[in-house]
Amino acid sequence: MSLELEERLVAKANQAKIPLTVNFELTPICNLGCDMCFIRTEKSVVDKLGGLHTVEEWLDIAREFKKLGTLFILLTGGEPMLYPGFKELYAELKKMGFILTINTNGTMIDEPMAQFFHEYTPRRVNVTLYGPDRDYYQRLTHHADGFDRCMRGLKLLRQYNIDTKMNISLVKSNEGTHQQLLQIAKDLDIPAVTNSYMFPCMRSNCAGKRHIVDERLDPETAAFESVEFMKYKREDEFELYAKEIHHIIEQYEPRPIGLDCRAASSSCWINWQQQLSPCVMLEAPRFDLHQVPVPEAWKQLVTASTELPKHEECAGCKLKLVCEVCYAGAAHEKKMCGNVDYLCRMAHKKVEILKQEVKHEENS
């Protein structure tokens, strides 16, 4: 499917409130132990909370969403390939006509799994790389062999011509490795996306067990790394972007931040307990799909999401176009930190760096 066609589908789905994309969080269990992860949950806790749901339960939900117009499904976790019925569920969803994407840490992709994806081709496999070597993997994920297994997975995906994207998450534990990670993506000929802003998100069943605010980069460093990724992504167009963004900012009409993304308009999230919410970051509004039928749950989610209060802190700011803020991000910043200062500092630093880039080019 072409990007242009997909954009047109999304626009129509947003307008008509059709759940074009649904995210299935199959399991919160993971074989890595990243300190900044807000989803990972120990199996003992999962079992106490009722355990994982069956393949047939997920397929029942998929059938209902298909009737509502769903075309794309993301399979994620935790580590989704640790879900006991992953291959069976994946194959059945493919047979139903869904276009499937997978979020993974790459460590479970061995030869048989790569062959499976070659037979049942996904739209894309998104692989997160947490460091450039075993030492950084030990520091960040607490599993040094995760690096070797992830690299094996990436190479197998390339070998079998599976569309792959590399996700790069930057935190204090891998600070200073950005260029090395981008170089790995270049060497493997895989497109990369860098996230230098970490949501201070915390799920209720993980409360007190994560240290995301302590683990993430300071806002000025996060801003620098964000601009570095702009350079990488835009390449020859970066200079023009840096020059034009200041003019665009001046013309921007400041307004409060509402839930104005695809969440609860054309996409939604279903966690491992099969509770429906707008996105991975928002636990509310939330509807249990074992108590509320899918069509009614989606309808109620759309209505409840339009009633969420806006974030007035951003009402007078013109920096939205360079800011990492979204509705969920602002909500969690205020909940965890008491304000949105981190995002403000990051946005102002990005503008400062972009201005410096323009001056440097003019003087060179």
Protein backbone atom coordinates (compact mmCIF):
# COMPACT_ATOMS: atom_id res chain seq x y z
CA MET A 1 0.00 0.00 0.00
CA SER A 2 1.38 3.40 -0.98
CA LEU A 3 1.98 6.08 1.64
CA GLU A 4 -0.38 8.44 -0.19
CA LEU A 5 -3.22 5.90 -0.13
CA GLU A 6 -2.63 5.16 3.55
CA GLU A 7 -2.72 8.88 4.41
CA ARG A 8 -6.03 9.24 2.59
CA LEU A 9 -7.45 6.24 4.46
CA VAL A 10 -6.31 7.66 7.79
CA ALA A 11 -7.84 11.07 7.02
CA LYS A 12 -11.19 9.49 6.16
CA ALA A 13 -11.06 7.19 9.18
CA ASN A 14 -10.31 10.11 11.51
CA GLN A 15 -13.30 12.00 10.17
CA ALA A 16 -15.66 9.03 10.33
CA LYS A 17 -14.28 7.71 13.66
CA ILE A 18 -13.38 4.30 12.22
CA PRO A 19 -10.75 2.24 14.14
CA LEU A 20 -8.51 1.76 11.11
CA THR A 21 -5.55 0.69 13.29
CA VAL A 22 -5.76 -1.43 16.44
CA ASN A 23 -2.80 -2.27 18.67
CA PHE A 24 -2.79 -5.68 20.38
CA GLU A 25 -0.56 -5.76 23.45
CA LEU A 26 -0.38 -9.53 23.70
CA THR A 27 1.76 -9.77 26.82
CA PRO A 28 3.56 -7.44 29.25
CA ILE A 29 6.24 -10.10 29.83
CA CYS A 30 9.67 -9.43 28.35
CA ASN A 31 13.02 -11.21 28.30
CA LEU A 32 14.91 -7.92 28.76
CA GLY A 33 14.86 -5.74 31.87
CA CYS A 34 15.03 -2.11 30.68
CA ASP A 35 14.76 0.21 33.66
CA MET A 36 12.70 2.80 31.77
CA CYS A 37 10.05 0.34 30.53
CA PHE A 38 6.57 1.04 31.93
CA ILE A 39 4.89 -2.07 30.47
CA ARG A 40 7.12 -4.97 31.51
CA THR A 41 5.47 -7.02 34.25
CA GLU A 42 6.72 -10.14 35.99
CA LYS A 43 4.93 -13.39 35.10
CA SER A 44 3.96 -13.93 38.75
CA VAL A 45 2.09 -10.60 38.71
CA VAL A 46 0.47 -11.43 35.37
CA ASP A 47 -0.74 -14.75 36.77
CA LYS A 48 -2.17 -13.05 39.88
CA LEU A 49 -4.05 -10.62 37.65
CA GLY A 50 -5.71 -13.38 35.64
CA GLY A 51 -3.04 -14.47 33.19
CA LEU A 52 -2.75 -14.00 29.44
CA HIS A 53 -5.75 -14.33 27.16
CA THR A 54 -6.14 -17.10 24.61
CA VAL A 55 -5.60 -16.93 20.87
CA GLU A 56 -9.32 -17.40 20.29
CA GLU A 57 -10.16 -14.47 22.59
CA TRP A 58 -7.85 -12.21 20.57
CA LEU A 59 -9.34 -13.51 17.32
CA ASP A 60 -12.87 -12.80 18.58
CA ILE A 61 -11.84 -9.20 19.24
CA ALA A 62 -10.19 -8.99 15.81
CA ARG A 63 -13.38 -10.23 14.12
CA GLU A 64 -15.42 -7.52 15.84
CA PHE A 65 -12.97 -4.78 14.88
CA LYS A 66 -12.90 -6.02 11.30
CA LYS A 67 -16.65 -5.37 11.14
CA LEU A 68 -15.93 -1.80 12.30
CA GLY A 69 -13.44 -1.24 9.47
CA THR A 70 -10.08 -2.16 11.01
CA LEU A 71 -7.39 -2.89 8.44
CA PHE A 72 -4.09 -2.59 10.34
CA ILE A 73 -3.10 -4.45 13.52
CA LEU A 74 0.11 -3.94 15.48
CA LEU A 75 1.25 -6.90 17.59
CA THR A 76 3.32 -5.73 20.54
CA GLY A 77 4.15 -6.35 24.19
CA GLY A 78 6.27 -6.70 26.33
CA GLU A 79 7.93 -8.96 23.85
CA PRO A 80 5.07 -10.23 21.65
CA MET A 81 6.94 -13.34 20.48
CA LEU A 82 6.89 -14.57 24.08
CA TYR A 83 3.12 -14.85 23.80
CA PRO A 84 2.50 -18.63 23.78
CA GLY A 85 0.26 -18.62 20.69
CA PHE A 86 2.08 -15.94 18.73
CA LYS A 87 2.54 -17.83 15.44
CA GLU A 88 -0.98 -19.26 15.49
CA LEU A 89 -2.54 -15.86 16.20
CA TYR A 90 -0.36 -14.10 13.64
CA ALA A 91 -1.17 -16.63 10.88
CA GLU A 92 -4.91 -16.47 11.57
CA LEU A 93 -4.92 -12.66 11.52
CA LYS A 94 -3.12 -12.76 8.17
CA LYS A 95 -5.74 -15.17 6.80
CA MET A 96 -8.45 -12.74 7.97
CA GLY A 97 -6.90 -10.08 5.73
CA PHE A 98 -5.30 -7.80 8.30
CA ILE A 99 -2.09 -5.94 7.51
CA LEU A 100 0.25 -6.76 10.40
CA THR A 101 3.14 -4.89 11.99
CA ILE A 102 5.25 -6.16 14.90
CA ASN A 103 7.09 -4.29 17.65
CA THR A 104 9.90 -6.42 19.08
CA ASN A 105 13.29 -6.27 20.78
CA GLY A 106 14.55 -8.63 18.06
CA THR A 107 15.99 -11.24 20.39
CA MET A 108 13.41 -13.92 19.54
CA ILE A 109 14.02 -13.78 15.79
CA ASP A 110 15.94 -16.95 14.96
CA GLU A 111 16.08 -18.89 11.68
CA PRO A 112 12.67 -20.59 12.09
CA MET A 113 11.00 -17.27 13.04
CA ALA A 114 12.60 -15.48 10.08
CA GLN A 115 11.37 -18.26 7.77
CA PHE A 116 7.90 -17.92 9.29
CA PHE A 117 7.86 -14.19 8.49
CA HIS A 118 9.10 -14.97 5.00
CA GLU A 119 6.10 -17.24 4.52
CA TYR A 120 3.61 -14.91 6.23
CA THR A 121 5.08 -11.54 5.31
CA PRO A 122 4.34 -8.69 7.74
CA ARG A 123 3.94 -5.14 6.65
CA ARG A 124 6.97 -4.31 8.79
CA VAL A 125 8.92 -5.46 11.82
CA ASN A 126 9.98 -2.65 14.17
CA VAL A 127 13.08 -3.65 16.14
CA THR A 128 14.38 -1.61 19.07
CA LEU A 129 18.18 -1.52 19.45
CA TYR A 130 19.24 -0.41 22.93
CA GLY A 131 23.00 -0.12 22.55
CA PRO A 132 25.95 -0.63 20.19
CA ASP A 133 27.53 -3.54 22.08
CA ARG A 134 27.14 -6.08 24.88
CA ASP A 135 28.34 -3.70 27.59
CA TYR A 136 25.62 -1.17 26.89
CA TYR A 137 23.01 -3.93 26.73
CA GLN A 138 24.12 -5.14 30.15
CA ARG A 139 23.91 -1.61 31.50
CA LEU A 140 20.47 -0.80 30.04
CA THR A 141 18.63 -4.10 29.60
CA HIS A 142 20.61 -6.16 32.17
CA HIS A 143 21.11 -8.87 29.52
CA ALA A 144 24.41 -8.58 27.66
CA ASP A 145 23.51 -11.36 25.22
CA GLY A 146 20.51 -9.29 24.13
CA PHE A 147 22.83 -7.38 21.79
CA ASP A 148 24.05 -10.50 19.99
CA ARG A 149 20.53 -11.88 19.69
CA CYS A 150 19.11 -8.59 18.44
CA MET A 151 21.84 -8.23 15.81
CA ARG A 152 21.18 -11.82 14.72
CA GLY A 153 17.51 -10.97 14.37
CA LEU A 154 18.17 -7.81 12.36
CA LYS A 155 20.50 -9.64 9.97
CA LEU A 156 18.02 -12.49 9.47
CA LEU A 157 15.23 -10.04 8.70
CA ARG A 158 17.43 -8.40 6.07
CA GLN A 159 18.46 -11.81 4.72
CA TYR A 160 14.82 -12.78 4.20
CA ASN A 161 13.91 -9.35 2.77
CA ILE A 162 11.47 -8.52 5.56
CA ASP A 163 10.62 -4.82 5.72
CA THR A 164 12.35 -3.68 8.91
CA LYS A 165 12.66 -0.45 10.86
CA MET A 166 15.08 0.18 13.72
CA ASN A 167 13.82 2.08 16.77
CA ILE A 168 16.47 3.78 18.92
CA SER A 169 15.61 4.77 22.50
CA LEU A 170 18.10 7.14 24.10
CA VAL A 171 18.43 7.31 27.89
CA LYS A 172 21.25 7.96 30.35
CA SER A 173 22.38 4.33 30.23
CA ASN A 174 23.25 4.56 26.52
CA GLU A 175 24.03 8.28 26.34
CA GLY A 176 26.66 9.14 23.75
CA THR A 177 25.93 6.16 21.48
CA HIS A 178 23.47 7.81 19.10
CA GLN A 179 25.83 8.03 16.14
CA GLN A 180 27.03 4.45 16.65
CA LEU A 181 23.45 3.19 16.64
CA LEU A 182 22.61 5.17 13.50
CA GLN A 183 25.73 3.74 11.87
CA ILE A 184 24.52 0.20 12.59
CA ALA A 185 21.26 1.08 10.85
CA LYS A 186 23.22 2.45 7.87
CA ASP A 187 25.45 -0.63 7.70
CA LEU A 188 22.40 -2.91 7.68
CA ASP A 189 20.54 -0.60 5.27
CA ILE A 190 17.62 -0.30 7.68
CA PRO A 191 15.68 2.97 8.24
CA ALA A 192 15.93 4.23 11.81
CA VAL A 193 13.82 6.36 14.13
CA THR A 194 15.27 7.91 17.27
CA ASN A 195 13.31 8.64 20.44
CA SER A 196 15.22 10.91 22.79
CA TYR A 197 12.13 11.90 24.78
CA MET A 198 10.91 9.29 27.26
CA PHE A 199 7.35 9.65 28.56
CA PRO A 200 7.34 9.59 32.38
CA CYS A 201 4.54 7.03 32.07
CA MET A 202 3.67 4.64 34.85
CA ARG A 203 1.06 1.91 34.77
CA SER A 204 -0.83 1.19 37.94
CA ASN A 205 0.48 -2.39 38.21
CA CYS A 206 4.09 -1.15 37.87
CA ALA A 207 3.87 1.73 40.33
CA GLY A 208 7.06 2.27 42.30
CA LYS A 209 9.03 -0.28 40.25
CA ARG A 210 10.34 1.94 37.44
CA HIS A 211 12.59 4.98 37.42
CA ILE A 212 11.78 6.61 34.09
CA VAL A 213 12.26 10.19 35.28
CA ASP A 214 15.70 9.28 36.66
CA GLU A 215 16.64 7.20 33.61
CA ARG A 216 15.78 9.65 30.85
CA LEU A 217 18.15 12.24 29.42
CA ASP A 218 18.09 15.77 30.74
CA PRO A 219 15.89 17.93 28.45
CA GLU A 220 18.79 19.84 26.90
CA THR A 221 20.61 16.64 25.94
CA ALA A 222 17.36 15.15 24.66
CA ALA A 223 16.90 18.26 22.51
CA PHE A 224 20.40 17.96 21.08
CA GLU A 225 19.87 14.29 20.17
CA SER A 226 16.50 15.13 18.62
CA VAL A 227 18.15 17.69 16.32
CA GLU A 228 20.91 15.20 15.51
CA PHE A 229 18.23 12.79 14.31
CA MET A 230 16.66 15.57 12.21
CA LYS A 231 20.02 15.97 10.49
CA TYR A 232 20.25 12.23 9.88
CA LYS A 233 16.70 11.94 8.56
CA ARG A 234 16.56 15.12 6.47
CA GLU A 235 20.17 15.00 5.25
CA ASP A 236 20.55 17.67 2.53
CA GLU A 237 17.16 19.19 3.40
CA PHE A 238 18.09 19.90 7.02
CA GLU A 239 19.58 23.35 6.36
CA LEU A 240 16.41 24.47 4.61
CA TYR A 241 14.28 23.03 7.44
CA ALA A 242 16.34 24.87 10.09
CA LYS A 243 15.91 28.16 8.21
CA GLU A 244 12.20 27.78 7.53
CA ILE A 245 11.07 26.45 10.90
CA HIS A 246 11.48 29.85 12.56
CA HIS A 247 9.15 31.49 10.03
CA ILE A 248 6.64 28.66 10.44
CA ILE A 249 6.75 29.00 14.24
CA GLU A 250 5.91 32.71 14.03
CA GLN A 251 2.79 31.92 11.99
CA TYR A 252 1.61 29.15 14.33
CA GLU A 253 -1.63 29.80 16.19
CA PRO A 254 -1.07 28.80 19.87
CA ARG A 255 -3.82 26.71 21.43
CA PRO A 256 -4.39 24.31 24.33
CA ILE A 257 -3.33 20.69 23.86
CA GLY A 258 -6.18 18.25 23.32
CA LEU A 259 -6.33 14.66 22.16
CA ASP A 260 -5.93 15.69 18.53
CA CYS A 261 -3.88 12.72 17.25
CA ARG A 262 -5.24 9.46 15.85
CA ALA A 263 -5.95 8.04 19.32
CA ALA A 264 -9.67 7.28 19.74
CA SER A 265 -10.31 8.70 16.26
CA SER A 266 -8.83 6.09 13.93
CA SER A 267 -6.69 4.01 16.28
CA CYS A 268 -6.80 2.48 19.75
CA TRP A 269 -4.87 0.29 22.16
CA ILE A 270 -5.91 -3.01 23.75
CA ASN A 271 -3.69 -4.03 26.65
CA TRP A 272 -2.86 -7.61 27.63
CA GLN A 273 -5.92 -7.70 29.92
CA GLN A 274 -8.02 -6.83 26.85
CA GLN A 275 -8.97 -3.39 28.08
CA LEU A 276 -9.54 -0.77 25.41
CA SER A 277 -7.98 2.71 25.71
CA PRO A 278 -7.02 5.52 23.30
CA CYS A 279 -3.28 4.72 23.24
CA VAL A 280 -0.52 2.92 25.10
CA MET A 281 0.15 5.97 27.27
CA LEU A 282 -3.42 6.53 28.48
CA GLU A 283 -5.07 4.17 30.95
CA ALA A 284 -8.26 6.24 30.91
CA PRO A 285 -10.79 6.29 29.45
CA ARG A 286 -10.70 2.51 29.47
CA PHE A 287 -13.26 -0.21 28.76
CA ASP A 288 -13.05 -3.92 29.56
CA LEU A 289 -13.88 -5.83 26.37
CA HIS A 290 -15.12 -8.76 28.46
CA GLN A 291 -17.80 -6.54 29.94
CA VAL A 292 -18.57 -4.16 27.08
CA PRO A 293 -19.04 -5.44 23.49
CA VAL A 294 -16.43 -4.14 21.04
CA PRO A 295 -18.77 -1.89 19.00
CA GLU A 296 -20.17 -0.25 22.12
CA ALA A 297 -16.74 0.03 23.74
CA TRP A 298 -15.34 1.81 20.68
CA LYS A 299 -18.32 4.16 20.57
CA GLN A 300 -17.94 4.99 24.26
CA LEU A 301 -14.17 5.44 23.88
CA VAL A 302 -14.65 7.99 21.09
CA THR A 303 -17.22 9.92 23.13
CA ALA A 304 -15.23 9.85 26.39
CA SER A 305 -12.03 10.92 24.63
CA THR A 306 -13.65 14.02 23.15
CA GLU A 307 -14.58 15.07 26.69
CA LEU A 308 -11.04 14.94 28.09
CA PRO A 309 -9.97 18.33 29.49
CA LYS A 310 -7.37 20.19 27.43
CA HIS A 311 -3.92 21.13 28.73
CA GLU A 312 -4.11 24.91 29.05
CA GLU A 313 -0.40 25.23 29.93
CA CYS A 314 0.42 25.12 26.23
CA ALA A 315 -2.25 27.62 25.15
CA GLY A 316 0.10 30.57 24.63
CA CYS A 317 3.14 28.74 23.26
CA LYS A 318 4.22 28.92 19.61
CA LEU A 319 6.72 26.07 19.84
CA LYS A 320 4.26 23.17 19.32
CA LEU A 321 5.83 22.36 15.93
CA VAL A 322 9.20 21.56 17.54
CA CYS A 323 7.87 20.33 20.87
CA GLU A 324 7.54 16.64 21.76
CA VAL A 325 4.28 17.34 23.60
CA CYS A 326 1.14 15.33 23.00
CA TYR A 327 -1.94 14.99 25.16
CA ALA A 328 -0.71 11.87 26.95
CA GLY A 329 2.80 13.27 27.40
CA ALA A 330 1.53 16.44 29.03
CA ALA A 331 -0.78 14.42 31.29
CA HIS A 332 2.05 12.20 32.52
CA GLU A 333 4.50 15.08 32.93
CA LYS A 334 2.01 16.83 35.20
CA LYS A 335 1.21 13.63 37.09
CA MET A 336 4.82 12.56 37.66
CA CYS A 337 6.63 15.90 37.74
CA GLY A 338 3.91 18.39 38.61
CA ASN A 339 4.32 20.44 35.42
CA VAL A 340 5.38 20.30 31.76
CA ASP A 341 8.70 22.07 32.32
CA TYR A 342 10.75 19.19 30.86
CA LEU A 343 8.96 19.51 27.54
CA CYS A 344 9.25 23.31 27.59
CA ARG A 345 12.98 23.20 28.24
CA MET A 346 13.45 20.62 25.51
CA ALA A 347 11.49 22.66 22.95
CA HIS A 348 13.30 25.93 23.73
CA LYS A 349 16.67 24.18 23.50
CA LYS A 350 15.77 22.68 20.13
CA VAL A 351 14.94 26.15 18.78
CA GLU A 352 18.20 27.50 20.18
CA ILE A 353 20.20 24.70 18.51
CA LEU A 354 18.40 25.22 15.19
CA LYS A 355 19.19 28.94 15.30
CA GLN A 356 22.83 28.13 15.94
CA GLU A 357 22.81 25.76 12.97
CA VAL A 358 21.48 28.51 10.72
CA LYS A 359 24.11 31.01 11.93
CA HIS A 360 26.85 28.44 11.42
CA GLU A 361 25.76 27.84 7.83
CA GLU A 362 25.50 31.57 7.11
CA ASN A 363 28.99 32.18 8.47
CA SER A 364 30.63 29.23 6.71
